[in-house]
Amino acid sequence: GLQVTGRAEIIEPFSEEYIYAAEWKKIPV
């Protein structure tokens, strides 16, 4: 198993980072 502890950040909807993540996960923007 793997456990990750960290800090969460909400990414601005439809920002460059948001669109990149959607495309990487193959979710049509």
mmCIF file of all heavy atoms, coordinates in Angstrom:
data_MODEL
# 
_entry.id   MODEL 
# 
loop_
_atom_site.group_PDB 
_atom_site.id 
_atom_site.type_symbol 
_atom_site.label_atom_id 
_atom_site.label_alt_id 
_atom_site.label_comp_id 
_atom_site.label_asym_id 
_atom_site.label_entity_id 
_atom_site.label_seq_id 
_atom_site.pdbx_PDB_ins_code 
_atom_site.Cartn_x 
_atom_site.Cartn_y 
_atom_site.Cartn_z 
_atom_site.occupancy 
_atom_site.B_iso_or_equiv 
_atom_site.pdbx_formal_charge 
_atom_site.auth_seq_id 
_atom_site.auth_comp_id 
_atom_site.auth_asym_id 
_atom_site.auth_atom_id 
_atom_site.pdbx_PDB_model_num 
ATOM 1   N N   . GLY A 1 1  ? 0.819   -1.201 0.000   1.00 0.00 ? 1  GLY A N   1 
ATOM 2   C CA  . GLY A 1 1  ? 0.000   0.000  0.000   1.00 0.00 ? 1  GLY A CA  1 
ATOM 3   C C   . GLY A 1 1  ? 0.853   1.251  0.000   1.00 0.00 ? 1  GLY A C   1 
ATOM 4   O O   . GLY A 1 1  ? 2.045   1.227  0.294   1.00 0.00 ? 1  GLY A O   1 
ATOM 5   N N   . LEU A 1 2  ? 0.215   2.350  -0.338  1.00 0.00 ? 2  LEU A N   1 
ATOM 6   C CA  . LEU A 1 2  ? 0.871   3.641  -0.420  1.00 0.00 ? 2  LEU A CA  1 
ATOM 7   C C   . LEU A 1 2  ? -0.033  4.664  0.242   1.00 0.00 ? 2  LEU A C   1 
ATOM 8   O O   . LEU A 1 2  ? -1.242  4.684  -0.027  1.00 0.00 ? 2  LEU A O   1 
ATOM 9   C CB  . LEU A 1 2  ? 1.094   4.008  -1.891  1.00 0.00 ? 2  LEU A CB  1 
ATOM 10  C CG  . LEU A 1 2  ? 1.741   5.343  -2.177  1.00 0.00 ? 2  LEU A CG  1 
ATOM 11  C CD1 . LEU A 1 2  ? 3.252   5.204  -2.003  1.00 0.00 ? 2  LEU A CD1 1 
ATOM 12  C CD2 . LEU A 1 2  ? 1.441   5.768  -3.597  1.00 0.00 ? 2  LEU A CD2 1 
ATOM 13  N N   . GLN A 1 3  ? 0.528   5.485  1.113   1.00 0.00 ? 3  GLN A N   1 
ATOM 14  C CA  . GLN A 1 3  ? -0.232  6.566  1.738   1.00 0.00 ? 3  GLN A CA  1 
ATOM 15  C C   . GLN A 1 3  ? 0.502   7.866  1.482   1.00 0.00 ? 3  GLN A C   1 
ATOM 16  O O   . GLN A 1 3  ? 1.702   7.968  1.731   1.00 0.00 ? 3  GLN A O   1 
ATOM 17  C CB  . GLN A 1 3  ? -0.369  6.326  3.240   1.00 0.00 ? 3  GLN A CB  1 
ATOM 18  C CG  . GLN A 1 3  ? -1.123  7.435  3.946   1.00 0.00 ? 3  GLN A CG  1 
ATOM 19  C CD  . GLN A 1 3  ? -1.333  7.118  5.407   1.00 0.00 ? 3  GLN A CD  1 
ATOM 20  O OE1 . GLN A 1 3  ? -1.958  6.125  5.734   1.00 0.00 ? 3  GLN A OE1 1 
ATOM 21  N NE2 . GLN A 1 3  ? -0.810  7.960  6.274   1.00 0.00 ? 3  GLN A NE2 1 
ATOM 22  N N   . VAL A 1 4  ? -0.213  8.867  0.980   1.00 0.00 ? 4  VAL A N   1 
ATOM 23  C CA  . VAL A 1 4  ? 0.364   10.171 0.674   1.00 0.00 ? 4  VAL A CA  1 
ATOM 24  C C   . VAL A 1 4  ? -0.305  11.216 1.547   1.00 0.00 ? 4  VAL A C   1 
ATOM 25  O O   . VAL A 1 4  ? -1.529  11.295 1.596   1.00 0.00 ? 4  VAL A O   1 
ATOM 26  C CB  . VAL A 1 4  ? 0.182   10.520 -0.824  1.00 0.00 ? 4  VAL A CB  1 
ATOM 27  C CG1 . VAL A 1 4  ? 0.758   11.894 -1.128  1.00 0.00 ? 4  VAL A CG1 1 
ATOM 28  C CG2 . VAL A 1 4  ? 0.812   9.463  -1.710  1.00 0.00 ? 4  VAL A CG2 1 
ATOM 29  N N   . THR A 1 5  ? 0.506   12.015 2.224   1.00 0.00 ? 5  THR A N   1 
ATOM 30  C CA  . THR A 1 5  ? 0.021   13.131 3.027   1.00 0.00 ? 5  THR A CA  1 
ATOM 31  C C   . THR A 1 5  ? 0.522   14.404 2.371   1.00 0.00 ? 5  THR A C   1 
ATOM 32  O O   . THR A 1 5  ? 1.670   14.481 1.946   1.00 0.00 ? 5  THR A O   1 
ATOM 33  C CB  . THR A 1 5  ? 0.578   13.030 4.466   1.00 0.00 ? 5  THR A CB  1 
ATOM 34  O OG1 . THR A 1 5  ? 0.228   11.759 4.996   1.00 0.00 ? 5  THR A OG1 1 
ATOM 35  C CG2 . THR A 1 5  ? 0.029   14.130 5.344   1.00 0.00 ? 5  THR A CG2 1 
ATOM 36  N N   . GLY A 1 6  ? -0.352  15.393 2.255   1.00 0.00 ? 6  GLY A N   1 
ATOM 37  C CA  . GLY A 1 6  ? 0.060   16.629 1.612   1.00 0.00 ? 6  GLY A CA  1 
ATOM 38  C C   . GLY A 1 6  ? -0.942  17.751 1.791   1.00 0.00 ? 6  GLY A C   1 
ATOM 39  O O   . GLY A 1 6  ? -1.752  17.737 2.713   1.00 0.00 ? 6  GLY A O   1 
ATOM 40  N N   . ARG A 1 7  ? -0.868  18.714 0.878   1.00 0.00 ? 7  ARG A N   1 
ATOM 41  C CA  . ARG A 1 7  ? -1.752  19.877 0.908   1.00 0.00 ? 7  ARG A CA  1 
ATOM 42  C C   . ARG A 1 7  ? -2.558  19.919 -0.378  1.00 0.00 ? 7  ARG A C   1 
ATOM 43  O O   . ARG A 1 7  ? -2.043  19.675 -1.457  1.00 0.00 ? 7  ARG A O   1 
ATOM 44  C CB  . ARG A 1 7  ? -0.952  21.166 1.036   1.00 0.00 ? 7  ARG A CB  1 
ATOM 45  C CG  . ARG A 1 7  ? -0.092  21.164 2.244   1.00 0.00 ? 7  ARG A CG  1 
ATOM 46  C CD  . ARG A 1 7  ? -0.165  22.260 3.242   1.00 0.00 ? 7  ARG A CD  1 
ATOM 47  N NE  . ARG A 1 7  ? -0.809  23.497 2.946   1.00 0.00 ? 7  ARG A NE  1 
ATOM 48  C CZ  . ARG A 1 7  ? -1.689  24.049 3.759   1.00 0.00 ? 7  ARG A CZ  1 
ATOM 49  N NH1 . ARG A 1 7  ? -2.049  23.453 4.869   1.00 0.00 ? 7  ARG A NH1 1 
ATOM 50  N NH2 . ARG A 1 7  ? -2.216  25.214 3.474   1.00 0.00 ? 7  ARG A NH2 1 
ATOM 51  N N   . ALA A 1 8  ? -3.830  20.247 -0.216  1.00 0.00 ? 8  ALA A N   1 
ATOM 52  C CA  . ALA A 1 8  ? -4.732  20.316 -1.370  1.00 0.00 ? 8  ALA A CA  1 
ATOM 53  C C   . ALA A 1 8  ? -4.827  21.748 -1.874  1.00 0.00 ? 8  ALA A C   1 
ATOM 54  O O   . ALA A 1 8  ? -4.748  22.707 -1.108  1.00 0.00 ? 8  ALA A O   1 
ATOM 55  C CB  . ALA A 1 8  ? -6.117  19.814 -0.981  1.00 0.00 ? 8  ALA A CB  1 
ATOM 56  N N   . GLU A 1 9  ? -5.006  21.845 -3.174  1.00 0.00 ? 9  GLU A N   1 
ATOM 57  C CA  . GLU A 1 9  ? -5.203  23.137 -3.822  1.00 0.00 ? 9  GLU A CA  1 
ATOM 58  C C   . GLU A 1 9  ? -6.322  22.945 -4.850  1.00 0.00 ? 9  GLU A C   1 
ATOM 59  O O   . GLU A 1 9  ? -6.310  21.969 -5.599  1.00 0.00 ? 9  GLU A O   1 
ATOM 60  C CB  . GLU A 1 9  ? -3.908  23.549 -4.517  1.00 0.00 ? 9  GLU A CB  1 
ATOM 61  C CG  . GLU A 1 9  ? -3.962  24.826 -5.277  1.00 0.00 ? 9  GLU A CG  1 
ATOM 62  C CD  . GLU A 1 9  ? -2.649  25.111 -5.996  1.00 0.00 ? 9  GLU A CD  1 
ATOM 63  O OE1 . GLU A 1 9  ? -1.599  24.535 -5.632  1.00 0.00 ? 9  GLU A OE1 1 
ATOM 64  O OE2 . GLU A 1 9  ? -2.689  25.909 -6.944  1.00 0.00 ? 9  GLU A OE2 1 
ATOM 65  N N   . ILE A 1 10 ? -7.271  23.853 -4.873  1.00 0.00 ? 10 ILE A N   1 
ATOM 66  C CA  . ILE A 1 10 ? -8.332  23.808 -5.868  1.00 0.00 ? 10 ILE A CA  1 
ATOM 67  C C   . ILE A 1 10 ? -7.853  24.616 -7.073  1.00 0.00 ? 10 ILE A C   1 
ATOM 68  O O   . ILE A 1 10 ? -7.521  25.790 -6.944  1.00 0.00 ? 10 ILE A O   1 
ATOM 69  C CB  . ILE A 1 10 ? -9.658  24.389 -5.326  1.00 0.00 ? 10 ILE A CB  1 
ATOM 70  C CG1 . ILE A 1 10 ? -10.052 23.704 -4.012  1.00 0.00 ? 10 ILE A CG1 1 
ATOM 71  C CG2 . ILE A 1 10 ? -10.760 24.275 -6.372  1.00 0.00 ? 10 ILE A CG2 1 
ATOM 72  C CD1 . ILE A 1 10 ? -10.240 22.217 -4.104  1.00 0.00 ? 10 ILE A CD1 1 
ATOM 73  N N   . ILE A 1 11 ? -7.821  23.972 -8.228  1.00 0.00 ? 11 ILE A N   1 
ATOM 74  C CA  . ILE A 1 11 ? -7.343  24.620 -9.447  1.00 0.00 ? 11 ILE A CA  1 
ATOM 75  C C   . ILE A 1 11 ? -8.500  25.373 -10.092 1.00 0.00 ? 11 ILE A C   1 
ATOM 76  O O   . ILE A 1 11 ? -9.616  24.867 -10.190 1.00 0.00 ? 11 ILE A O   1 
ATOM 77  C CB  . ILE A 1 11 ? -6.761  23.568 -10.426 1.00 0.00 ? 11 ILE A CB  1 
ATOM 78  C CG1 . ILE A 1 11 ? -5.627  22.770 -9.751  1.00 0.00 ? 11 ILE A CG1 1 
ATOM 79  C CG2 . ILE A 1 11 ? -6.304  24.206 -11.723 1.00 0.00 ? 11 ILE A CG2 1 
ATOM 80  C CD1 . ILE A 1 11 ? -4.470  23.611 -9.251  1.00 0.00 ? 11 ILE A CD1 1 
ATOM 81  N N   . GLU A 1 12 ? -8.204  26.565 -10.539 1.00 0.00 ? 12 GLU A N   1 
ATOM 82  C CA  . GLU A 1 12 ? -9.220  27.421 -11.180 1.00 0.00 ? 12 GLU A CA  1 
ATOM 83  C C   . GLU A 1 12 ? -9.823  26.693 -12.387 1.00 0.00 ? 12 GLU A C   1 
ATOM 84  O O   . GLU A 1 12 ? -9.098  26.237 -13.271 1.00 0.00 ? 12 GLU A O   1 
ATOM 85  C CB  . GLU A 1 12 ? -8.575  28.731 -11.629 1.00 0.00 ? 12 GLU A CB  1 
ATOM 86  C CG  . GLU A 1 12 ? -9.518  29.707 -12.275 1.00 0.00 ? 12 GLU A CG  1 
ATOM 87  C CD  . GLU A 1 12 ? -10.533 30.284 -11.303 1.00 0.00 ? 12 GLU A CD  1 
ATOM 88  O OE1 . GLU A 1 12 ? -10.219 30.417 -10.111 1.00 0.00 ? 12 GLU A OE1 1 
ATOM 89  O OE2 . GLU A 1 12 ? -11.653 30.592 -11.756 1.00 0.00 ? 12 GLU A OE2 1 
ATOM 90  N N   . PRO A 1 13 ? -11.160 26.571 -12.420 1.00 0.00 ? 13 PRO A N   1 
ATOM 91  C CA  . PRO A 1 13 ? -11.808 25.888 -13.548 1.00 0.00 ? 13 PRO A CA  1 
ATOM 92  C C   . PRO A 1 13 ? -11.448 26.534 -14.895 1.00 0.00 ? 13 PRO A C   1 
ATOM 93  O O   . PRO A 1 13 ? -11.448 27.756 -15.031 1.00 0.00 ? 13 PRO A O   1 
ATOM 94  C CB  . PRO A 1 13 ? -13.300 26.032 -13.251 1.00 0.00 ? 13 PRO A CB  1 
ATOM 95  C CG  . PRO A 1 13 ? -13.368 26.188 -11.772 1.00 0.00 ? 13 PRO A CG  1 
ATOM 96  C CD  . PRO A 1 13 ? -12.122 26.971 -11.401 1.00 0.00 ? 13 PRO A CD  1 
ATOM 97  N N   . PHE A 1 14 ? -11.102 25.683 -15.820 1.00 0.00 ? 14 PHE A N   1 
ATOM 98  C CA  . PHE A 1 14 ? -10.786 26.021 -17.204 1.00 0.00 ? 14 PHE A CA  1 
ATOM 99  C C   . PHE A 1 14 ? -9.524  26.868 -17.355 1.00 0.00 ? 14 PHE A C   1 
ATOM 100 O O   . PHE A 1 14 ? -9.295  27.467 -18.399 1.00 0.00 ? 14 PHE A O   1 
ATOM 101 C CB  . PHE A 1 14 ? -12.000 26.646 -17.908 1.00 0.00 ? 14 PHE A CB  1 
ATOM 102 C CG  . PHE A 1 14 ? -13.192 25.738 -17.819 1.00 0.00 ? 14 PHE A CG  1 
ATOM 103 C CD1 . PHE A 1 14 ? -14.252 26.047 -16.975 1.00 0.00 ? 14 PHE A CD1 1 
ATOM 104 C CD2 . PHE A 1 14 ? -13.223 24.541 -18.512 1.00 0.00 ? 14 PHE A CD2 1 
ATOM 105 C CE1 . PHE A 1 14 ? -15.332 25.179 -16.846 1.00 0.00 ? 14 PHE A CE1 1 
ATOM 106 C CE2 . PHE A 1 14 ? -14.302 23.673 -18.393 1.00 0.00 ? 14 PHE A CE2 1 
ATOM 107 C CZ  . PHE A 1 14 ? -15.353 23.996 -17.551 1.00 0.00 ? 14 PHE A CZ  1 
ATOM 108 N N   . SER A 1 15 ? -8.686  26.889 -16.308 1.00 0.00 ? 15 SER A N   1 
ATOM 109 C CA  . SER A 1 15 ? -7.368  27.504 -16.423 1.00 0.00 ? 15 SER A CA  1 
ATOM 110 C C   . SER A 1 15 ? -6.494  26.581 -17.275 1.00 0.00 ? 15 SER A C   1 
ATOM 111 O O   . SER A 1 15 ? -6.885  25.455 -17.610 1.00 0.00 ? 15 SER A O   1 
ATOM 112 C CB  . SER A 1 15 ? -6.750  27.692 -15.039 1.00 0.00 ? 15 SER A CB  1 
ATOM 113 O OG  . SER A 1 15 ? -6.509  26.430 -14.431 1.00 0.00 ? 15 SER A OG  1 
ATOM 114 N N   . GLU A 1 16 ? -5.306  27.031 -17.597 1.00 0.00 ? 16 GLU A N   1 
ATOM 115 C CA  . GLU A 1 16 ? -4.378  26.224 -18.394 1.00 0.00 ? 16 GLU A CA  1 
ATOM 116 C C   . GLU A 1 16 ? -4.075  24.894 -17.699 1.00 0.00 ? 16 GLU A C   1 
ATOM 117 O O   . GLU A 1 16 ? -4.071  23.840 -18.331 1.00 0.00 ? 16 GLU A O   1 
ATOM 118 C CB  . GLU A 1 16 ? -3.082  27.006 -18.616 1.00 0.00 ? 16 GLU A CB  1 
ATOM 119 C CG  . GLU A 1 16 ? -2.097  26.333 -19.542 1.00 0.00 ? 16 GLU A CG  1 
ATOM 120 C CD  . GLU A 1 16 ? -0.876  27.199 -19.817 1.00 0.00 ? 16 GLU A CD  1 
ATOM 121 O OE1 . GLU A 1 16 ? -1.016  28.426 -19.931 1.00 0.00 ? 16 GLU A OE1 1 
ATOM 122 O OE2 . GLU A 1 16 ? 0.215   26.611 -19.914 1.00 0.00 ? 16 GLU A OE2 1 
ATOM 123 N N   . GLU A 1 17 ? -3.864  24.929 -16.383 1.00 0.00 ? 17 GLU A N   1 
ATOM 124 C CA  . GLU A 1 17 ? -3.571  23.710 -15.624 1.00 0.00 ? 17 GLU A CA  1 
ATOM 125 C C   . GLU A 1 17 ? -4.774  22.763 -15.589 1.00 0.00 ? 17 GLU A C   1 
ATOM 126 O O   . GLU A 1 17 ? -4.634  21.549 -15.694 1.00 0.00 ? 17 GLU A O   1 
ATOM 127 C CB  . GLU A 1 17 ? -3.143  24.080 -14.206 1.00 0.00 ? 17 GLU A CB  1 
ATOM 128 C CG  . GLU A 1 17 ? -2.630  22.924 -13.402 1.00 0.00 ? 17 GLU A CG  1 
ATOM 129 C CD  . GLU A 1 17 ? -2.034  23.341 -12.070 1.00 0.00 ? 17 GLU A CD  1 
ATOM 130 O OE1 . GLU A 1 17 ? -2.149  24.515 -11.671 1.00 0.00 ? 17 GLU A OE1 1 
ATOM 131 O OE2 . GLU A 1 17 ? -1.449  22.466 -11.417 1.00 0.00 ? 17 GLU A OE2 1 
ATOM 132 N N   . TYR A 1 18 ? -5.961  23.326 -15.454 1.00 0.00 ? 18 TYR A N   1 
ATOM 133 C CA  . TYR A 1 18 ? -7.205  22.559 -15.441 1.00 0.00 ? 18 TYR A CA  1 
ATOM 134 C C   . TYR A 1 18 ? -7.390  21.839 -16.778 1.00 0.00 ? 18 TYR A C   1 
ATOM 135 O O   . TYR A 1 18 ? -7.662  20.642 -16.818 1.00 0.00 ? 18 TYR A O   1 
ATOM 136 C CB  . TYR A 1 18 ? -8.360  23.520 -15.173 1.00 0.00 ? 18 TYR A CB  1 
ATOM 137 C CG  . TYR A 1 18 ? -9.726  22.905 -15.051 1.00 0.00 ? 18 TYR A CG  1 
ATOM 138 C CD1 . TYR A 1 18 ? -10.265 22.642 -13.798 1.00 0.00 ? 18 TYR A CD1 1 
ATOM 139 C CD2 . TYR A 1 18 ? -10.500 22.634 -16.175 1.00 0.00 ? 18 TYR A CD2 1 
ATOM 140 C CE1 . TYR A 1 18 ? -11.547 22.105 -13.673 1.00 0.00 ? 18 TYR A CE1 1 
ATOM 141 C CE2 . TYR A 1 18 ? -11.773 22.100 -16.058 1.00 0.00 ? 18 TYR A CE2 1 
ATOM 142 C CZ  . TYR A 1 18 ? -12.290 21.836 -14.808 1.00 0.00 ? 18 TYR A CZ  1 
ATOM 143 O OH  . TYR A 1 18 ? -13.552 21.307 -14.688 1.00 0.00 ? 18 TYR A OH  1 
ATOM 144 N N   . ILE A 1 19 ? -7.228  22.570 -17.866 1.00 0.00 ? 19 ILE A N   1 
ATOM 145 C CA  . ILE A 1 19 ? -7.388  21.989 -19.203 1.00 0.00 ? 19 ILE A CA  1 
ATOM 146 C C   . ILE A 1 19 ? -6.336  20.915 -19.456 1.00 0.00 ? 19 ILE A C   1 
ATOM 147 O O   . ILE A 1 19 ? -6.637  19.847 -20.000 1.00 0.00 ? 19 ILE A O   1 
ATOM 148 C CB  . ILE A 1 19 ? -7.356  23.090 -20.283 1.00 0.00 ? 19 ILE A CB  1 
ATOM 149 C CG1 . ILE A 1 19 ? -8.618  23.957 -20.159 1.00 0.00 ? 19 ILE A CG1 1 
ATOM 150 C CG2 . ILE A 1 19 ? -7.211  22.507 -21.681 1.00 0.00 ? 19 ILE A CG2 1 
ATOM 151 C CD1 . ILE A 1 19 ? -8.594  25.220 -20.988 1.00 0.00 ? 19 ILE A CD1 1 
ATOM 152 N N   . TYR A 1 20 ? -5.104  21.162 -19.029 1.00 0.00 ? 20 TYR A N   1 
ATOM 153 C CA  . TYR A 1 20 ? -4.039  20.168 -19.187 1.00 0.00 ? 20 TYR A CA  1 
ATOM 154 C C   . TYR A 1 20 ? -4.408  18.872 -18.463 1.00 0.00 ? 20 TYR A C   1 
ATOM 155 O O   . TYR A 1 20 ? -4.264  17.779 -19.018 1.00 0.00 ? 20 TYR A O   1 
ATOM 156 C CB  . TYR A 1 20 ? -2.711  20.723 -18.658 1.00 0.00 ? 20 TYR A CB  1 
ATOM 157 C CG  . TYR A 1 20 ? -1.602  19.718 -18.689 1.00 0.00 ? 20 TYR A CG  1 
ATOM 158 C CD1 . TYR A 1 20 ? -0.887  19.484 -19.861 1.00 0.00 ? 20 TYR A CD1 1 
ATOM 159 C CD2 . TYR A 1 20 ? -1.274  18.971 -17.559 1.00 0.00 ? 20 TYR A CD2 1 
ATOM 160 C CE1 . TYR A 1 20 ? 0.124   18.538 -19.907 1.00 0.00 ? 20 TYR A CE1 1 
ATOM 161 C CE2 . TYR A 1 20 ? -0.266  18.021 -17.595 1.00 0.00 ? 20 TYR A CE2 1 
ATOM 162 C CZ  . TYR A 1 20 ? 0.427   17.807 -18.767 1.00 0.00 ? 20 TYR A CZ  1 
ATOM 163 O OH  . TYR A 1 20 ? 1.430   16.868 -18.806 1.00 0.00 ? 20 TYR A OH  1 
ATOM 164 N N   . ALA A 1 21 ? -4.897  18.984 -17.223 1.00 0.00 ? 21 ALA A N   1 
ATOM 165 C CA  . ALA A 1 21 ? -5.266  17.796 -16.444 1.00 0.00 ? 21 ALA A CA  1 
ATOM 166 C C   . ALA A 1 21 ? -6.412  17.038 -17.116 1.00 0.00 ? 21 ALA A C   1 
ATOM 167 O O   . ALA A 1 21 ? -6.390  15.813 -17.183 1.00 0.00 ? 21 ALA A O   1 
ATOM 168 C CB  . ALA A 1 21 ? -5.645  18.188 -15.021 1.00 0.00 ? 21 ALA A CB  1 
ATOM 169 N N   . ALA A 1 22 ? -7.404  17.767 -17.618 1.00 0.00 ? 22 ALA A N   1 
ATOM 170 C CA  . ALA A 1 22 ? -8.538  17.115 -18.294 1.00 0.00 ? 22 ALA A CA  1 
ATOM 171 C C   . ALA A 1 22 ? -8.055  16.361 -19.528 1.00 0.00 ? 22 ALA A C   1 
ATOM 172 O O   . ALA A 1 22 ? -8.434  15.205 -19.747 1.00 0.00 ? 22 ALA A O   1 
ATOM 173 C CB  . ALA A 1 22 ? -9.591  18.154 -18.672 1.00 0.00 ? 22 ALA A CB  1 
ATOM 174 N N   . GLU A 1 23 ? -7.225  17.005 -20.323 1.00 0.00 ? 23 GLU A N   1 
ATOM 175 C CA  . GLU A 1 23 ? -6.715  16.356 -21.538 1.00 0.00 ? 23 GLU A CA  1 
ATOM 176 C C   . GLU A 1 23 ? -5.861  15.145 -21.192 1.00 0.00 ? 23 GLU A C   1 
ATOM 177 O O   . GLU A 1 23 ? -5.942  14.112 -21.854 1.00 0.00 ? 23 GLU A O   1 
ATOM 178 C CB  . GLU A 1 23 ? -5.935  17.363 -22.381 1.00 0.00 ? 23 GLU A CB  1 
ATOM 179 C CG  . GLU A 1 23 ? -6.847  18.407 -23.013 1.00 0.00 ? 23 GLU A CG  1 
ATOM 180 C CD  . GLU A 1 23 ? -6.099  19.523 -23.734 1.00 0.00 ? 23 GLU A CD  1 
ATOM 181 O OE1 . GLU A 1 23 ? -4.860  19.658 -23.546 1.00 0.00 ? 23 GLU A OE1 1 
ATOM 182 O OE2 . GLU A 1 23 ? -6.759  20.282 -24.470 1.00 0.00 ? 23 GLU A OE2 1 
ATOM 183 N N   . TRP A 1 24 ? -5.038  15.249 -20.143 1.00 0.00 ? 24 TRP A N   1 
ATOM 184 C CA  . TRP A 1 24 ? -4.194  14.136 -19.729 1.00 0.00 ? 24 TRP A CA  1 
ATOM 185 C C   . TRP A 1 24 ? -5.044  12.953 -19.300 1.00 0.00 ? 24 TRP A C   1 
ATOM 186 O O   . TRP A 1 24 ? -4.701  11.799 -19.561 1.00 0.00 ? 24 TRP A O   1 
ATOM 187 C CB  . TRP A 1 24 ? -3.271  14.587 -18.597 1.00 0.00 ? 24 TRP A CB  1 
ATOM 188 C CG  . TRP A 1 24 ? -2.243  13.564 -18.241 1.00 0.00 ? 24 TRP A CG  1 
ATOM 189 C CD1 . TRP A 1 24 ? -1.051  13.337 -18.862 1.00 0.00 ? 24 TRP A CD1 1 
ATOM 190 C CD2 . TRP A 1 24 ? -2.328  12.611 -17.170 1.00 0.00 ? 24 TRP A CD2 1 
ATOM 191 N NE1 . TRP A 1 24 ? -0.385  12.304 -18.243 1.00 0.00 ? 24 TRP A NE1 1 
ATOM 192 C CE2 . TRP A 1 24 ? -1.152  11.836 -17.192 1.00 0.00 ? 24 TRP A CE2 1 
ATOM 193 C CE3 . TRP A 1 24 ? -3.277  12.340 -16.198 1.00 0.00 ? 24 TRP A CE3 1 
ATOM 194 C CZ2 . TRP A 1 24 ? -0.899  10.822 -16.293 1.00 0.00 ? 24 TRP A CZ2 1 
ATOM 195 C CZ3 . TRP A 1 24 ? -3.023  11.309 -15.294 1.00 0.00 ? 24 TRP A CZ3 1 
ATOM 196 C CH2 . TRP A 1 24 ? -1.846  10.574 -15.349 1.00 0.00 ? 24 TRP A CH2 1 
ATOM 197 N N   . LYS A 1 25 ? -6.180  13.211 -18.656 1.00 0.00 ? 25 LYS A N   1 
ATOM 198 C CA  . LYS A 1 25 ? -7.086  12.146 -18.218 1.00 0.00 ? 25 LYS A CA  1 
ATOM 199 C C   . LYS A 1 25 ? -8.077  11.750 -19.312 1.00 0.00 ? 25 LYS A C   1 
ATOM 200 O O   . LYS A 1 25 ? -8.969  10.951 -19.086 1.00 0.00 ? 25 LYS A O   1 
ATOM 201 C CB  . LYS A 1 25 ? -7.845  12.586 -16.957 1.00 0.00 ? 25 LYS A CB  1 
ATOM 202 C CG  . LYS A 1 25 ? -6.924  12.739 -15.748 1.00 0.00 ? 25 LYS A CG  1 
ATOM 203 C CD  . LYS A 1 25 ? -7.670  13.168 -14.521 1.00 0.00 ? 25 LYS A CD  1 
ATOM 204 C CE  . LYS A 1 25 ? -8.331  12.090 -13.768 1.00 0.00 ? 25 LYS A CE  1 
ATOM 205 N NZ  . LYS A 1 25 ? -7.629  10.933 -13.350 1.00 0.00 ? 25 LYS A NZ  1 
ATOM 206 N N   . LYS A 1 26 ? -7.911  12.349 -20.492 1.00 0.00 ? 26 LYS A N   1 
ATOM 207 C CA  . LYS A 1 26 ? -8.767  12.060 -21.651 1.00 0.00 ? 26 LYS A CA  1 
ATOM 208 C C   . LYS A 1 26 ? -10.237 12.409 -21.386 1.00 0.00 ? 26 LYS A C   1 
ATOM 209 O O   . LYS A 1 26 ? -11.153 11.711 -21.815 1.00 0.00 ? 26 LYS A O   1 
ATOM 210 C CB  . LYS A 1 26 ? -8.599  10.613 -22.106 1.00 0.00 ? 26 LYS A CB  1 
ATOM 211 C CG  . LYS A 1 26 ? -7.177  10.307 -22.561 1.00 0.00 ? 26 LYS A CG  1 
ATOM 212 C CD  . LYS A 1 26 ? -7.042  8.919  -23.084 1.00 0.00 ? 26 LYS A CD  1 
ATOM 213 C CE  . LYS A 1 26 ? -5.697  8.516  -23.552 1.00 0.00 ? 26 LYS A CE  1 
ATOM 214 N NZ  . LYS A 1 26 ? -4.536  9.265  -23.370 1.00 0.00 ? 26 LYS A NZ  1 
ATOM 215 N N   . ILE A 1 27 ? -10.444 13.515 -20.647 1.00 0.00 ? 27 ILE A N   1 
ATOM 216 C CA  . ILE A 1 27 ? -11.785 14.048 -20.405 1.00 0.00 ? 27 ILE A CA  1 
ATOM 217 C C   . ILE A 1 27 ? -11.977 15.208 -21.373 1.00 0.00 ? 27 ILE A C   1 
ATOM 218 O O   . ILE A 1 27 ? -11.238 16.196 -21.308 1.00 0.00 ? 27 ILE A O   1 
ATOM 219 C CB  . ILE A 1 27 ? -11.949 14.539 -18.952 1.00 0.00 ? 27 ILE A CB  1 
ATOM 220 C CG1 . ILE A 1 27 ? -11.691 13.395 -17.968 1.00 0.00 ? 27 ILE A CG1 1 
ATOM 221 C CG2 . ILE A 1 27 ? -13.327 15.159 -18.747 1.00 0.00 ? 27 ILE A CG2 1 
ATOM 222 C CD1 . ILE A 1 27 ? -11.627 13.839 -16.518 1.00 0.00 ? 27 ILE A CD1 1 
ATOM 223 N N   . PRO A 1 28 ? -12.942 15.130 -22.286 1.00 0.00 ? 28 PRO A N   1 
ATOM 224 C CA  . PRO A 1 28 ? -13.143 16.216 -23.249 1.00 0.00 ? 28 PRO A CA  1 
ATOM 225 C C   . PRO A 1 28 ? -13.531 17.521 -22.540 1.00 0.00 ? 28 PRO A C   1 
ATOM 226 O O   . PRO A 1 28 ? -14.500 17.564 -21.771 1.00 0.00 ? 28 PRO A O   1 
ATOM 227 C CB  . PRO A 1 28 ? -14.285 15.728 -24.135 1.00 0.00 ? 28 PRO A CB  1 
ATOM 228 C CG  . PRO A 1 28 ? -14.381 14.252 -23.886 1.00 0.00 ? 28 PRO A CG  1 
ATOM 229 C CD  . PRO A 1 28 ? -13.851 14.018 -22.509 1.00 0.00 ? 28 PRO A CD  1 
ATOM 230 N N   . VAL A 1 29 ? -12.767 18.568 -22.777 1.00 0.00 ? 29 VAL A N   1 
ATOM 231 C CA  . VAL A 1 29 ? -13.029 19.867 -22.141 1.00 0.00 ? 29 VAL A CA  1 
ATOM 232 C C   . VAL A 1 29 ? -14.408 20.384 -22.531 1.00 0.00 ? 29 VAL A C   1 
ATOM 233 O O   . VAL A 1 29 ? -15.120 20.948 -21.692 1.00 0.00 ? 29 VAL A O   1 
ATOM 234 C CB  . VAL A 1 29 ? -11.914 20.881 -22.505 1.00 0.00 ? 29 VAL A CB  1 
ATOM 235 C CG1 . VAL A 1 29 ? -12.226 22.261 -21.942 1.00 0.00 ? 29 VAL A CG1 1 
ATOM 236 C CG2 . VAL A 1 29 ? -10.565 20.385 -21.988 1.00 0.00 ? 29 VAL A CG2 1 
# 
